[in-house]
Amino acid sequence: MKEKIMFLLADSIGLDEGLPDTDADPIKKYEMDSVMILDFVIRIEDEYGIDFQDFSELSNHMSTVGEMTDYMMGMIKGGSH
């Protein structure tokens, strides 16, 4: 699941080859803006059939790409963070 989320993120940030660096800051390294974040969330919703509502909570989990993808995995699995 994590690899699929990483592929969705790579598409959202326009990464042509490979996957994002899990230790990288998505905003600083990949210049991820609010439109890219929304695109990523919509891709997650479409892929996994979830309805993600709390964007402000996601922003608390964006220090690294790995932290962000782990948070999204928790949301998909129905966990709380």
Protein backbone atom coordinates (compact mmCIF):
# COMPACT_ATOMS: atom_id res chain seq x y z
CA MET A 1 0.00 0.00 0.00
CA LYS A 2 2.77 2.44 0.88
CA GLU A 3 4.37 2.08 -2.55
CA LYS A 4 1.03 2.81 -4.25
CA ILE A 5 0.61 5.93 -2.10
CA MET A 6 4.14 6.98 -3.04
CA PHE A 7 3.29 6.56 -6.74
CA LEU A 8 0.16 8.69 -6.27
CA LEU A 9 2.25 11.34 -4.55
CA ALA A 10 4.87 11.24 -7.32
CA ASP A 11 2.09 11.86 -9.87
CA SER A 12 0.68 14.73 -7.81
CA ILE A 13 4.02 16.51 -7.54
CA GLY A 14 4.95 15.86 -11.17
CA LEU A 15 7.89 13.57 -10.45
CA ASP A 16 8.67 11.94 -13.80
CA GLU A 17 10.94 9.16 -12.62
CA GLY A 18 11.16 7.20 -9.42
CA LEU A 19 9.50 7.80 -6.10
CA PRO A 20 9.85 10.76 -3.75
CA ASP A 21 12.52 10.61 -1.05
CA THR A 22 10.76 9.54 2.16
CA ASP A 23 13.08 11.72 4.26
CA ALA A 24 12.49 14.85 2.17
CA ASP A 25 10.32 17.80 3.13
CA PRO A 26 7.56 17.69 0.48
CA ILE A 27 7.10 21.46 0.48
CA LYS A 28 10.77 22.43 0.35
CA LYS A 29 12.18 19.69 -1.89
CA TYR A 30 9.21 19.11 -4.21
CA GLU A 31 7.61 22.56 -3.91
CA MET A 32 4.32 20.92 -3.01
CA ASP A 33 1.63 23.57 -2.86
CA SER A 34 -2.04 23.47 -1.83
CA VAL A 35 -3.16 22.46 -5.33
CA MET A 36 -0.76 19.51 -5.33
CA ILE A 37 -1.88 18.50 -1.84
CA LEU A 38 -5.52 18.59 -2.93
CA ASP A 39 -4.68 16.56 -6.04
CA PHE A 40 -2.89 13.98 -3.88
CA VAL A 41 -5.83 13.72 -1.47
CA ILE A 42 -8.31 13.32 -4.35
CA ARG A 43 -6.14 10.56 -5.85
CA ILE A 44 -6.12 8.79 -2.45
CA GLU A 45 -9.89 9.18 -2.12
CA ASP A 46 -10.49 7.80 -5.61
CA GLU A 47 -8.04 4.92 -5.23
CA TYR A 48 -9.18 3.77 -1.78
CA GLY A 49 -12.80 4.92 -1.64
CA ILE A 50 -12.39 7.11 1.41
CA ASP A 51 -13.68 10.60 2.11
CA PHE A 52 -10.87 12.66 3.56
CA GLN A 53 -12.18 15.74 5.37
CA ASP A 54 -9.52 17.11 7.69
CA PHE A 55 -6.90 18.90 5.59
CA SER A 56 -5.65 20.85 8.60
CA GLU A 57 -4.76 17.57 10.32
CA LEU A 58 -2.82 16.44 7.24
CA SER A 59 -0.76 19.63 7.42
CA ASN A 60 0.41 18.51 10.90
CA HIS A 61 1.89 15.38 9.29
CA MET A 62 3.91 16.85 6.44
CA SER A 63 7.40 17.20 7.90
CA THR A 64 8.62 14.46 5.58
CA VAL A 65 7.21 12.50 2.67
CA GLY A 66 7.39 9.36 4.83
CA GLU A 67 5.41 10.94 7.65
CA MET A 68 2.77 12.16 5.20
CA THR A 69 2.39 8.76 3.51
CA ASP A 70 2.27 6.98 6.89
CA TYR A 71 -0.51 9.34 7.98
CA MET A 72 -2.45 8.67 4.79
CA MET A 73 -2.02 4.90 5.30
CA GLY A 74 -3.51 5.31 8.77
CA MET A 75 -6.46 7.21 7.32
CA ILE A 76 -7.04 4.52 4.70
CA LYS A 77 -6.90 1.78 7.32
CA GLY A 78 -9.33 3.71 9.50
CA GLY A 79 -6.80 4.46 12.19
CA SER A 80 -6.62 7.71 14.06
CA HIS A 81 -3.51 9.85 14.31
